[in-house]
Amino acid sequence: MNDENTTPRRPDSSDDSHRYDENQAFSNGADLAPELPFGMSGITGLLQRLATGVEEERWSPDKQRMVARYLLDLSRDYWLNGDEVAFCRQLAAA
Protein backbone atom coordinates (compact mmCIF):
# COMPACT_ATOMS: atom_id res chain seq x y z
CA MET A 1 0.00 0.00 0.00
CA ASN A 2 1.38 3.42 -0.94
CA ASP A 3 1.08 5.74 2.03
CA GLU A 4 1.42 9.41 1.06
CA ASN A 5 2.97 10.28 4.44
CA THR A 6 5.83 7.79 4.21
CA THR A 7 6.68 7.69 0.52
CA PRO A 8 8.68 10.61 -0.89
CA ARG A 9 6.85 12.43 -3.66
CA ARG A 10 8.65 12.79 -6.96
CA PRO A 11 8.29 16.32 -8.38
CA ASP A 12 6.41 16.64 -11.64
CA SER A 13 6.85 19.29 -14.32
CA SER A 14 4.23 21.54 -12.71
CA ASP A 15 6.06 21.60 -9.38
CA ASP A 16 8.50 24.54 -9.17
CA SER A 17 9.76 23.75 -5.66
CA HIS A 18 12.73 21.73 -6.93
CA ARG A 19 13.91 24.25 -9.54
CA TYR A 20 17.19 26.10 -9.30
CA ASP A 21 16.80 29.78 -8.42
CA GLU A 22 19.78 31.67 -9.82
CA ASN A 23 19.07 34.83 -7.82
CA GLN A 24 18.85 32.91 -4.57
CA ALA A 25 22.10 31.07 -5.33
CA PHE A 26 23.97 34.34 -5.82
CA SER A 27 22.50 36.05 -2.80
CA ASN A 28 23.25 33.10 -0.52
CA GLY A 29 26.46 31.98 -2.22
CA ALA A 30 28.80 33.04 0.58
CA ASP A 31 26.78 31.14 3.15
CA LEU A 32 26.65 27.96 1.07
CA ALA A 33 30.23 27.90 -0.22
CA PRO A 34 31.72 25.76 2.59
CA GLU A 35 29.08 23.07 1.98
CA LEU A 36 29.43 22.80 -1.81
CA PRO A 37 30.91 19.43 -2.82
CA PHE A 38 31.68 20.38 -6.42
CA GLY A 39 32.80 23.41 -8.39
CA MET A 40 35.51 25.90 -7.59
CA SER A 41 34.35 26.39 -4.02
CA GLY A 42 34.71 22.65 -3.50
CA ILE A 43 38.16 22.58 -5.12
CA THR A 44 39.35 25.57 -3.11
CA GLY A 45 38.02 23.97 0.07
CA LEU A 46 39.84 20.71 -0.67
CA LEU A 47 43.08 22.57 -1.35
CA GLN A 48 42.74 24.49 1.91
CA ARG A 49 41.97 21.34 3.88
CA LEU A 50 44.89 19.52 2.27
CA ALA A 51 47.28 22.37 3.10
CA THR A 52 46.01 22.55 6.68
CA GLY A 53 46.20 18.77 7.08
CA VAL A 54 49.81 18.78 5.88
CA GLU A 55 50.79 21.84 7.92
CA GLU A 56 49.30 20.55 11.16
CA GLU A 57 50.38 16.95 10.44
CA ARG A 58 46.79 15.72 10.92
CA TRP A 59 46.60 13.80 7.65
CA SER A 60 48.56 10.63 7.01
CA PRO A 61 50.90 10.58 3.99
CA ASP A 62 48.50 8.14 2.29
CA LYS A 63 45.57 10.53 2.70
CA GLN A 64 47.68 13.48 1.52
CA ARG A 65 48.73 11.53 -1.56
CA MET A 66 45.18 10.40 -2.34
CA VAL A 67 43.70 13.92 -2.07
CA ALA A 68 46.58 15.45 -4.04
CA ARG A 69 46.10 12.93 -6.86
CA TYR A 70 42.37 13.58 -6.82
CA LEU A 71 42.94 17.33 -7.13
CA LEU A 72 45.43 16.81 -9.96
CA ASP A 73 42.82 14.71 -11.74
CA LEU A 74 40.24 17.48 -11.26
CA SER A 75 42.72 20.04 -12.62
CA ARG A 76 41.92 18.70 -16.10
CA ASP A 77 38.45 20.21 -15.76
CA TYR A 78 39.05 23.03 -13.24
CA TRP A 79 41.77 25.64 -13.38
CA LEU A 80 44.42 25.48 -10.65
CA ASN A 81 47.28 27.97 -10.50
CA GLY A 82 50.90 26.87 -10.86
CA ASP A 83 51.58 26.87 -7.11
CA GLU A 84 48.54 24.69 -6.42
CA VAL A 85 49.53 22.20 -9.11
CA ALA A 86 53.14 22.10 -7.86
CA PHE A 87 51.96 21.56 -4.27
CA CYS A 88 49.71 18.69 -5.33
CA ARG A 89 52.40 17.12 -7.53
CA GLN A 90 54.89 17.22 -4.66
CA LEU A 91 52.45 15.44 -2.33
CA ALA A 92 51.29 12.97 -4.99
CA ALA A 93 54.88 11.92 -5.65
CA ALA A 94 55.76 11.45 -1.97
PDB file of N, CA and C in Angstrom:
ATOM      1  N   MET A   1       0.840  -1.173   0.000  1.00  0.00           N
ATOM      2  CA  MET A   1       0.000   0.000   0.000  1.00  0.00           C
ATOM      3  C   MET A   1       0.891   1.244   0.000  1.00  0.00           C
ATOM      4  N   ASN A   2       0.580   2.213  -0.798  1.00  0.00           N
ATOM      5  CA  ASN A   2       1.381   3.416  -0.944  1.00  0.00           C
ATOM      6  C   ASN A   2       0.836   4.508  -0.033  1.00  0.00           C
ATOM      7  N   ASP A   3       1.514   4.742   1.071  1.00  0.00           N
ATOM      8  CA  ASP A   3       1.079   5.742   2.033  1.00  0.00           C
ATOM      9  C   ASP A   3       1.718   7.079   1.688  1.00  0.00           C
ATOM     10  N   GLU A   4       0.925   8.090   1.455  1.00  0.00           N
ATOM     11  CA  GLU A   4       1.419   9.412   1.063  1.00  0.00           C
ATOM     12  C   GLU A   4       2.347  10.022   2.106  1.00  0.00           C
ATOM     13  N   ASN A   5       2.166   9.700   3.366  1.00  0.00           N
ATOM     14  CA  ASN A   5       2.968  10.281   4.437  1.00  0.00           C
ATOM     15  C   ASN A   5       4.348   9.647   4.568  1.00  0.00           C
ATOM     16  N   THR A   6       4.547   8.455   4.049  1.00  0.00           N
ATOM     17  CA  THR A   6       5.831   7.786   4.213  1.00  0.00           C
ATOM     18  C   THR A   6       6.622   7.660   2.928  1.00  0.00           C
ATOM     19  N   THR A   7       5.992   7.828   1.792  1.00  0.00           N
ATOM     20  CA  THR A   7       6.677   7.687   0.520  1.00  0.00           C
ATOM     21  C   THR A   7       7.025   9.062  -0.031  1.00  0.00           C
ATOM     22  N   PRO A   8       8.313   9.307  -0.342  1.00  0.00           N
ATOM     23  CA  PRO A   8       8.679  10.612  -0.891  1.00  0.00           C
ATOM     24  C   PRO A   8       7.978  10.849  -2.224  1.00  0.00           C
ATOM     25  N   ARG A   9       7.534  12.061  -2.428  1.00  0.00           N
ATOM     26  CA  ARG A   9       6.848  12.431  -3.656  1.00  0.00           C
ATOM     27  C   ARG A   9       7.867  12.893  -4.681  1.00  0.00           C
ATOM     28  N   ARG A  10       7.774  12.377  -5.872  1.00  0.00           N
ATOM     29  CA  ARG A  10       8.655  12.790  -6.957  1.00  0.00           C
ATOM     30  C   ARG A  10       8.061  14.031  -7.615  1.00  0.00           C
ATOM     31  N   PRO A  11       8.854  15.104  -7.788  1.00  0.00           N
ATOM     32  CA  PRO A  11       8.295  16.323  -8.380  1.00  0.00           C
ATOM     33  C   PRO A  11       7.902  16.099  -9.834  1.00  0.00           C
ATOM     34  N   ASP A  12       6.801  16.696 -10.241  1.00  0.00           N
ATOM     35  CA  ASP A  12       6.411  16.639 -11.643  1.00  0.00           C
ATOM     36  C   ASP A  12       6.735  17.981 -12.300  1.00  0.00           C
ATOM     37  N   SER A  13       6.462  18.078 -13.579  1.00  0.00           N
ATOM     38  CA  SER A  13       6.849  19.285 -14.317  1.00  0.00           C
ATOM     39  C   SER A  13       6.109  20.534 -13.860  1.00  0.00           C
ATOM     40  N   SER A  14       4.976  20.371 -13.177  1.00  0.00           N
ATOM     41  CA  SER A  14       4.230  21.539 -12.710  1.00  0.00           C
ATOM     42  C   SER A  14       4.699  22.022 -11.341  1.00  0.00           C
ATOM     43  N   ASP A  15       5.586  21.275 -10.719  1.00  0.00           N
ATOM     44  CA  ASP A  15       6.063  21.603  -9.377  1.00  0.00           C
ATOM     45  C   ASP A  15       7.353  22.406  -9.486  1.00  0.00           C
ATOM     46  N   ASP A  16       7.326  23.681  -9.087  1.00  0.00           N
ATOM     47  CA  ASP A  16       8.505  24.544  -9.174  1.00  0.00           C
ATOM     48  C   ASP A  16       9.379  24.499  -7.932  1.00  0.00           C
ATOM     49  N   SER A  17       9.024  23.733  -6.921  1.00  0.00           N
ATOM     50  CA  SER A  17       9.763  23.753  -5.658  1.00  0.00           C
ATOM     51  C   SER A  17      11.164  23.181  -5.781  1.00  0.00           C
ATOM     52  N   HIS A  18      11.425  22.358  -6.776  1.00  0.00           N
ATOM     53  CA  HIS A  18      12.733  21.732  -6.930  1.00  0.00           C
ATOM     54  C   HIS A  18      13.630  22.466  -7.914  1.00  0.00           C
ATOM     55  N   ARG A  19      13.155  23.527  -8.506  1.00  0.00           N
ATOM     56  CA  ARG A  19      13.906  24.246  -9.536  1.00  0.00           C
ATOM     57  C   ARG A  19      14.989  25.127  -8.934  1.00  0.00           C
ATOM     58  N   TYR A  20      16.047  25.279  -9.680  1.00  0.00           N
ATOM     59  CA  TYR A  20      17.186  26.105  -9.298  1.00  0.00           C
ATOM     60  C   TYR A  20      16.815  27.573  -9.430  1.00  0.00           C
ATOM     61  N   ASP A  21      17.063  28.338  -8.403  1.00  0.00           N
ATOM     62  CA  ASP A  21      16.795  29.776  -8.420  1.00  0.00           C
ATOM     63  C   ASP A  21      18.133  30.502  -8.459  1.00  0.00           C
ATOM     64  N   GLU A  22      18.489  31.021  -9.631  1.00  0.00           N
ATOM     65  CA  GLU A  22      19.785  31.666  -9.821  1.00  0.00           C
ATOM     66  C   GLU A  22      19.983  32.854  -8.890  1.00  0.00           C
ATOM     67  N   ASN A  23      18.952  33.669  -8.698  1.00  0.00           N
ATOM     68  CA  ASN A  23      19.066  34.833  -7.822  1.00  0.00           C
ATOM     69  C   ASN A  23      19.319  34.419  -6.385  1.00  0.00           C
ATOM     70  N   GLN A  24      18.645  33.384  -5.935  1.00  0.00           N
ATOM     71  CA  GLN A  24      18.848  32.908  -4.569  1.00  0.00           C
ATOM     72  C   GLN A  24      20.257  32.349  -4.402  1.00  0.00           C
ATOM     73  N   ALA A  25      20.759  31.648  -5.422  1.00  0.00           N
ATOM     74  CA  ALA A  25      22.096  31.069  -5.334  1.00  0.00           C
ATOM     75  C   ALA A  25      23.149  32.157  -5.189  1.00  0.00           C
ATOM     76  N   PHE A  26      22.995  33.272  -5.927  1.00  0.00           N
ATOM     77  CA  PHE A  26      23.975  34.342  -5.825  1.00  0.00           C
ATOM     78  C   PHE A  26      23.857  35.089  -4.507  1.00  0.00           C
ATOM     79  N   SER A  27      22.661  35.300  -4.038  1.00  0.00           N
ATOM     80  CA  SER A  27      22.500  36.052  -2.797  1.00  0.00           C
ATOM     81  C   SER A  27      22.959  35.254  -1.590  1.00  0.00           C
ATOM     82  N   ASN A  28      22.852  33.937  -1.649  1.00  0.00           N
ATOM     83  CA  ASN A  28      23.246  33.098  -0.516  1.00  0.00           C
ATOM     84  C   ASN A  28      24.571  32.389  -0.757  1.00  0.00           C
ATOM     85  N   GLY A  29      25.254  32.697  -1.845  1.00  0.00           N
ATOM     86  CA  GLY A  29      26.458  31.976  -2.217  1.00  0.00           C
ATOM     87  C   GLY A  29      27.521  31.923  -1.139  1.00  0.00           C
ATOM     88  N   ALA A  30      27.755  33.010  -0.445  1.00  0.00           N
ATOM     89  CA  ALA A  30      28.801  33.036   0.579  1.00  0.00           C
ATOM     90  C   ALA A  30      28.457  32.104   1.732  1.00  0.00           C
ATOM     91  N   ASP A  31      27.184  32.009   2.057  1.00  0.00           N
ATOM     92  CA  ASP A  31      26.777  31.135   3.151  1.00  0.00           C
ATOM     93  C   ASP A  31      26.889  29.667   2.774  1.00  0.00           C
ATOM     94  N   LEU A  32      26.674  29.342   1.509  1.00  0.00           N
ATOM     95  CA  LEU A  32      26.650  27.957   1.072  1.00  0.00           C
ATOM     96  C   LEU A  32      28.012  27.437   0.638  1.00  0.00           C
ATOM     97  N   ALA A  33      28.951  28.307   0.344  1.00  0.00           N
ATOM     98  CA  ALA A  33      30.231  27.896  -0.224  1.00  0.00           C
ATOM     99  C   ALA A  33      30.936  26.795   0.555  1.00  0.00           C
ATOM    100  N   PRO A  34      31.005  26.821   1.890  1.00  0.00           N
ATOM    101  CA  PRO A  34      31.716  25.759   2.590  1.00  0.00           C
ATOM    102  C   PRO A  34      31.066  24.388   2.440  1.00  0.00           C
ATOM    103  N   GLU A  35      29.785  24.337   2.069  1.00  0.00           N
ATOM    104  CA  GLU A  35      29.083  23.071   1.975  1.00  0.00           C
ATOM    105  C   GLU A  35      29.038  22.516   0.562  1.00  0.00           C
ATOM    106  N   LEU A  36      29.517  23.262  -0.437  1.00  0.00           N
ATOM    107  CA  LEU A  36      29.433  22.802  -1.809  1.00  0.00           C
ATOM    108  C   LEU A  36      30.432  21.687  -2.056  1.00  0.00           C
ATOM    109  N   PRO A  37      29.981  20.529  -2.563  1.00  0.00           N
ATOM    110  CA  PRO A  37      30.905  19.435  -2.817  1.00  0.00           C
ATOM    111  C   PRO A  37      31.629  19.550  -4.140  1.00  0.00           C
ATOM    112  N   PHE A  38      31.091  20.293  -5.100  1.00  0.00           N
ATOM    113  CA  PHE A  38      31.679  20.379  -6.422  1.00  0.00           C
ATOM    114  C   PHE A  38      31.832  21.831  -6.839  1.00  0.00           C
ATOM    115  N   GLY A  39      32.585  22.054  -7.893  1.00  0.00           N
ATOM    116  CA  GLY A  39      32.797  23.406  -8.388  1.00  0.00           C
ATOM    117  C   GLY A  39      34.015  24.036  -7.750  1.00  0.00           C
ATOM    118  N   MET A  40      34.293  25.266  -8.098  1.00  0.00           N
ATOM    119  CA  MET A  40      35.507  25.904  -7.595  1.00  0.00           C
ATOM    120  C   MET A  40      35.510  26.052  -6.085  1.00  0.00           C
ATOM    121  N   SER A  41      34.376  26.294  -5.483  1.00  0.00           N
ATOM    122  CA  SER A  41      34.353  26.393  -4.022  1.00  0.00           C
ATOM    123  C   SER A  41      34.773  25.074  -3.397  1.00  0.00           C
ATOM    124  N   GLY A  42      34.333  23.975  -3.987  1.00  0.00           N
ATOM    125  CA  GLY A  42      34.714  22.652  -3.497  1.00  0.00           C
ATOM    126  C   GLY A  42      36.197  22.387  -3.680  1.00  0.00           C
ATOM    127  N   ILE A  43      36.739  22.776  -4.830  1.00  0.00           N
ATOM    128  CA  ILE A  43      38.162  22.585  -5.116  1.00  0.00           C
ATOM    129  C   ILE A  43      39.000  23.429  -4.164  1.00  0.00           C
ATOM    130  N   THR A  44      38.623  24.677  -4.009  1.00  0.00           N
ATOM    131  CA  THR A  44      39.347  25.567  -3.105  1.00  0.00           C
ATOM    132  C   THR A  44      39.306  25.028  -1.684  1.00  0.00           C
ATOM    133  N   GLY A  45      38.156  24.547  -1.270  1.00  0.00           N
ATOM    134  CA  GLY A  45      38.021  23.972   0.067  1.00  0.00           C
ATOM    135  C   GLY A  45      38.906  22.755   0.256  1.00  0.00           C
ATOM    136  N   LEU A  46      38.967  21.889  -0.751  1.00  0.00           N
ATOM    137  CA  LEU A  46      39.839  20.712  -0.669  1.00  0.00           C
ATOM    138  C   LEU A  46      41.305  21.119  -0.593  1.00  0.00           C
ATOM    139  N   LEU A  47      41.693  22.095  -1.399  1.00  0.00           N
ATOM    140  CA  LEU A  47      43.080  22.573  -1.352  1.00  0.00           C
ATOM    141  C   LEU A  47      43.421  23.139   0.025  1.00  0.00           C
ATOM    142  N   GLN A  48      42.511  23.917   0.581  1.00  0.00           N
ATOM    143  CA  GLN A  48      42.744  24.493   1.906  1.00  0.00           C
ATOM    144  C   GLN A  48      42.827  23.406   2.970  1.00  0.00           C
ATOM    145  N   ARG A  49      41.936  22.432   2.900  1.00  0.00           N
ATOM    146  CA  ARG A  49      41.974  21.340   3.883  1.00  0.00           C
ATOM    147  C   ARG A  49      43.242  20.512   3.741  1.00  0.00           C
ATOM    148  N   LEU A  50      43.650  20.270   2.504  1.00  0.00           N
ATOM    149  CA  LEU A  50      44.885  19.525   2.272  1.00  0.00           C
ATOM    150  C   LEU A  50      46.072  20.280   2.859  1.00  0.00           C
ATOM    151  N   ALA A  51      46.172  21.564   2.575  1.00  0.00           N
ATOM    152  CA  ALA A  51      47.283  22.366   3.097  1.00  0.00           C
ATOM    153  C   ALA A  51      47.282  22.388   4.620  1.00  0.00           C
ATOM    154  N   THR A  52      46.114  22.538   5.217  1.00  0.00           N
ATOM    155  CA  THR A  52      46.011  22.546   6.682  1.00  0.00           C
ATOM    156  C   THR A  52      46.369  21.183   7.257  1.00  0.00           C
ATOM    157  N   GLY A  53      45.894  20.123   6.617  1.00  0.00           N
ATOM    158  CA  GLY A  53      46.202  18.770   7.082  1.00  0.00           C
ATOM    159  C   GLY A  53      47.687  18.466   7.044  1.00  0.00           C
ATOM    160  N   VAL A  54      48.361  18.969   6.004  1.00  0.00           N
ATOM    161  CA  VAL A  54      49.809  18.779   5.883  1.00  0.00           C
ATOM    162  C   VAL A  54      50.534  19.627   6.918  1.00  0.00           C
ATOM    163  N   GLU A  55      50.147  20.897   7.006  1.00  0.00           N
ATOM    164  CA  GLU A  55      50.791  21.845   7.916  1.00  0.00           C
ATOM    165  C   GLU A  55      50.700  21.394   9.373  1.00  0.00           C
ATOM    166  N   GLU A  56      49.528  20.942   9.763  1.00  0.00           N
ATOM    167  CA  GLU A  56      49.301  20.548  11.156  1.00  0.00           C
ATOM    168  C   GLU A  56      49.567  19.062  11.398  1.00  0.00           C
ATOM    169  N   GLU A  57      50.045  18.382  10.366  1.00  0.00           N
ATOM    170  CA  GLU A  57      50.376  16.954  10.440  1.00  0.00           C
ATOM    171  C   GLU A  57      49.204  16.112  10.944  1.00  0.00           C
ATOM    172  N   ARG A  58      47.981  16.480  10.523  1.00  0.00           N
ATOM    173  CA  ARG A  58      46.794  15.723  10.923  1.00  0.00           C
ATOM    174  C   ARG A  58      46.455  14.633   9.922  1.00  0.00           C
ATOM    175  N   TRP A  59      46.912  14.772   8.690  1.00  0.00           N
ATOM    176  CA  TRP A  59      46.598  13.799   7.649  1.00  0.00           C
ATOM    177  C   TRP A  59      47.787  12.877   7.421  1.00  0.00           C
ATOM    178  N   SER A  60      47.510  11.607   7.293  1.00  0.00           N
ATOM    179  CA  SER A  60      48.562  10.632   7.007  1.00  0.00           C
ATOM    180  C   SER A  60      49.108  10.883   5.599  1.00  0.00           C
ATOM    181  N   PRO A  61      50.342  10.427   5.345  1.00  0.00           N
ATOM    182  CA  PRO A  61      50.901  10.578   3.992  1.00  0.00           C
ATOM    183  C   PRO A  61      50.020   9.926   2.923  1.00  0.00           C
ATOM    184  N   ASP A  62      49.386   8.801   3.261  1.00  0.00           N
ATOM    185  CA  ASP A  62      48.496   8.143   2.293  1.00  0.00           C
ATOM    186  C   ASP A  62      47.303   9.025   1.938  1.00  0.00           C
ATOM    187  N   LYS A  63      46.712   9.651   2.947  1.00  0.00           N
ATOM    188  CA  LYS A  63      45.566  10.531   2.703  1.00  0.00           C
ATOM    189  C   LYS A  63      46.002  11.761   1.913  1.00  0.00           C
ATOM    190  N   GLN A  64      47.153  12.327   2.255  1.00  0.00           N
ATOM    191  CA  GLN A  64      47.676  13.481   1.523  1.00  0.00           C
ATOM    192  C   GLN A  64      47.868  13.131   0.048  1.00  0.00           C
ATOM    193  N   ARG A  65      48.471  11.982  -0.201  1.00  0.00           N
ATOM    194  CA  ARG A  65      48.735  11.526  -1.564  1.00  0.00           C
ATOM    195  C   ARG A  65      47.427  11.323  -2.342  1.00  0.00           C
ATOM    196  N   MET A  66      46.454  10.679  -1.693  1.00  0.00           N
ATOM    197  CA  MET A  66      45.177  10.402  -2.336  1.00  0.00           C
ATOM    198  C   MET A  66      44.459  11.699  -2.727  1.00  0.00           C
ATOM    199  N   VAL A  67      44.388  12.650  -1.802  1.00  0.00           N
ATOM    200  CA  VAL A  67      43.695  13.915  -2.072  1.00  0.00           C
ATOM    201  C   VAL A  67      44.458  14.723  -3.123  1.00  0.00           C
ATOM    202  N   ALA A  68      45.779  14.727  -3.048  1.00  0.00           N
ATOM    203  CA  ALA A  68      46.583  15.454  -4.039  1.00  0.00           C
ATOM    204  C   ALA A  68      46.367  14.877  -5.436  1.00  0.00           C
ATOM    205  N   ARG A  69      46.340  13.565  -5.553  1.00  0.00           N
ATOM    206  CA  ARG A  69      46.098  12.934  -6.859  1.00  0.00           C
ATOM    207  C   ARG A  69      44.692  13.243  -7.366  1.00  0.00           C
ATOM    208  N   TYR A  70      43.744  13.246  -6.455  1.00  0.00           N
ATOM    209  CA  TYR A  70      42.367  13.577  -6.818  1.00  0.00           C
ATOM    210  C   TYR A  70      42.288  15.007  -7.360  1.00  0.00           C
ATOM    211  N   LEU A  71      42.945  15.939  -6.680  1.00  0.00           N
ATOM    212  CA  LEU A  71      42.937  17.332  -7.133  1.00  0.00           C
ATOM    213  C   LEU A  71      43.649  17.488  -8.476  1.00  0.00           C
ATOM    214  N   LEU A  72      44.738  16.757  -8.669  1.00  0.00           N
ATOM    215  CA  LEU A  72      45.425  16.813  -9.961  1.00  0.00           C
ATOM    216  C   LEU A  72      44.527  16.277 -11.073  1.00  0.00           C
ATOM    217  N   ASP A  73      43.769  15.245 -10.763  1.00  0.00           N
ATOM    218  CA  ASP A  73      42.822  14.713 -11.737  1.00  0.00           C
ATOM    219  C   ASP A  73      41.747  15.752 -12.065  1.00  0.00           C
ATOM    220  N   LEU A  74      41.256  16.438 -11.043  1.00  0.00           N
ATOM    221  CA  LEU A  74      40.245  17.477 -11.257  1.00  0.00           C
ATOM    222  C   LEU A  74      40.801  18.676 -12.021  1.00  0.00           C
ATOM    223  N   SER A  75      42.118  18.876 -11.954  1.00  0.00           N
ATOM    224  CA  SER A  75      42.716  20.041 -12.623  1.00  0.00           C
ATOM    225  C   SER A  75      42.581  19.963 -14.142  1.00  0.00           C
ATOM    226  N   ARG A  76      42.190  18.804 -14.666  1.00  0.00           N
ATOM    227  CA  ARG A  76      41.920  18.704 -16.103  1.00  0.00           C
ATOM    228  C   ARG A  76      40.650  19.468 -16.470  1.00  0.00           C
ATOM    229  N   ASP A  77      39.727  19.540 -15.517  1.00  0.00           N
ATOM    230  CA  ASP A  77      38.449  20.214 -15.762  1.00  0.00           C
ATOM    231  C   ASP A  77      38.348  21.575 -15.085  1.00  0.00           C
ATOM    232  N   TYR A  78      39.100  21.779 -14.006  1.00  0.00           N
ATOM    233  CA  TYR A  78      39.047  23.026 -13.244  1.00  0.00           C
ATOM    234  C   TYR A  78      40.438  23.638 -13.220  1.00  0.00           C
ATOM    235  N   TRP A  79      40.496  24.956 -13.347  1.00  0.00           N
ATOM    236  CA  TRP A  79      41.773  25.641 -13.381  1.00  0.00           C
ATOM    237  C   TRP A  79      42.375  25.720 -11.983  1.00  0.00           C
ATOM    238  N   LEU A  80      43.628  25.300 -11.870  1.00  0.00           N
ATOM    239  CA  LEU A  80      44.425  25.482 -10.652  1.00  0.00           C
ATOM    240  C   LEU A  80      45.642  26.301 -11.053  1.00  0.00           C
ATOM    241  N   ASN A  81      46.095  27.176 -10.154  1.00  0.00           N
ATOM    242  CA  ASN A  81      47.280  27.965 -10.505  1.00  0.00           C
ATOM    243  C   ASN A  81      48.536  27.103 -10.370  1.00  0.00           C
ATOM    244  N   GLY A  82      49.650  27.623 -10.836  1.00  0.00           N
ATOM    245  CA  GLY A  82      50.898  26.865 -10.856  1.00  0.00           C
ATOM    246  C   GLY A  82      51.356  26.402  -9.485  1.00  0.00           C
ATOM    247  N   ASP A  83      51.188  27.247  -8.472  1.00  0.00           N
ATOM    248  CA  ASP A  83      51.583  26.871  -7.110  1.00  0.00           C
ATOM    249  C   ASP A  83      50.733  25.722  -6.583  1.00  0.00           C
ATOM    250  N   GLU A  84      49.437  25.758  -6.881  1.00  0.00           N
ATOM    251  CA  GLU A  84      48.543  24.694  -6.422  1.00  0.00           C
ATOM    252  C   GLU A  84      48.884  23.366  -7.089  1.00  0.00           C
ATOM    253  N   VAL A  85      49.157  23.413  -8.387  1.00  0.00           N
ATOM    254  CA  VAL A  85      49.528  22.197  -9.113  1.00  0.00           C
ATOM    255  C   VAL A  85      50.852  21.654  -8.588  1.00  0.00           C
ATOM    256  N   ALA A  86      51.836  22.530  -8.378  1.00  0.00           N
ATOM    257  CA  ALA A  86      53.143  22.100  -7.865  1.00  0.00           C
ATOM    258  C   ALA A  86      53.013  21.476  -6.478  1.00  0.00           C
ATOM    259  N   PHE A  87      52.201  22.077  -5.623  1.00  0.00           N
ATOM    260  CA  PHE A  87      51.963  21.556  -4.274  1.00  0.00           C
ATOM    261  C   PHE A  87      51.362  20.155  -4.346  1.00  0.00           C
ATOM    262  N   CYS A  88      50.357  19.992  -5.194  1.00  0.00           N
ATOM    263  CA  CYS A  88      49.705  18.688  -5.330  1.00  0.00           C
ATOM    264  C   CYS A  88      50.653  17.653  -5.932  1.00  0.00           C
ATOM    265  N   ARG A  89      51.436  18.058  -6.920  1.00  0.00           N
ATOM    266  CA  ARG A  89      52.397  17.121  -7.532  1.00  0.00           C
ATOM    267  C   ARG A  89      53.436  16.653  -6.519  1.00  0.00           C
ATOM    268  N   GLN A  90      53.898  17.573  -5.681  1.00  0.00           N
ATOM    269  CA  GLN A  90      54.887  17.222  -4.658  1.00  0.00           C
ATOM    270  C   GLN A  90      54.312  16.179  -3.702  1.00  0.00           C
ATOM    271  N   LEU A  91      53.076  16.387  -3.260  1.00  0.00           N
ATOM    272  CA  LEU A  91      52.454  15.442  -2.334  1.00  0.00           C
ATOM    273  C   LEU A  91      52.107  14.124  -3.017  1.00  0.00           C
ATOM    274  N   ALA A  92      51.669  14.185  -4.268  1.00  0.00           N
ATOM    275  CA  ALA A  92      51.291  12.974  -4.994  1.00  0.00           C
ATOM    276  C   ALA A  92      52.495  12.076  -5.242  1.00  0.00           C
ATOM    277  N   ALA A  93      53.667  12.680  -5.380  1.00  0.00           N
ATOM    278  CA  ALA A  93      54.884  11.915  -5.650  1.00  0.00           C
ATOM    279  C   ALA A  93      55.526  11.359  -4.386  1.00  0.00           C
ATOM    280  N   ALA A  94      55.130  11.863  -3.238  1.00  0.00           N
ATOM    281  CA  ALA A  94      55.758  11.448  -1.968  1.00  0.00           C
ATOM    282  C   ALA A  94      55.400  10.020  -1.601  1.00  0.00           C
TER     283      ALA A  94
END
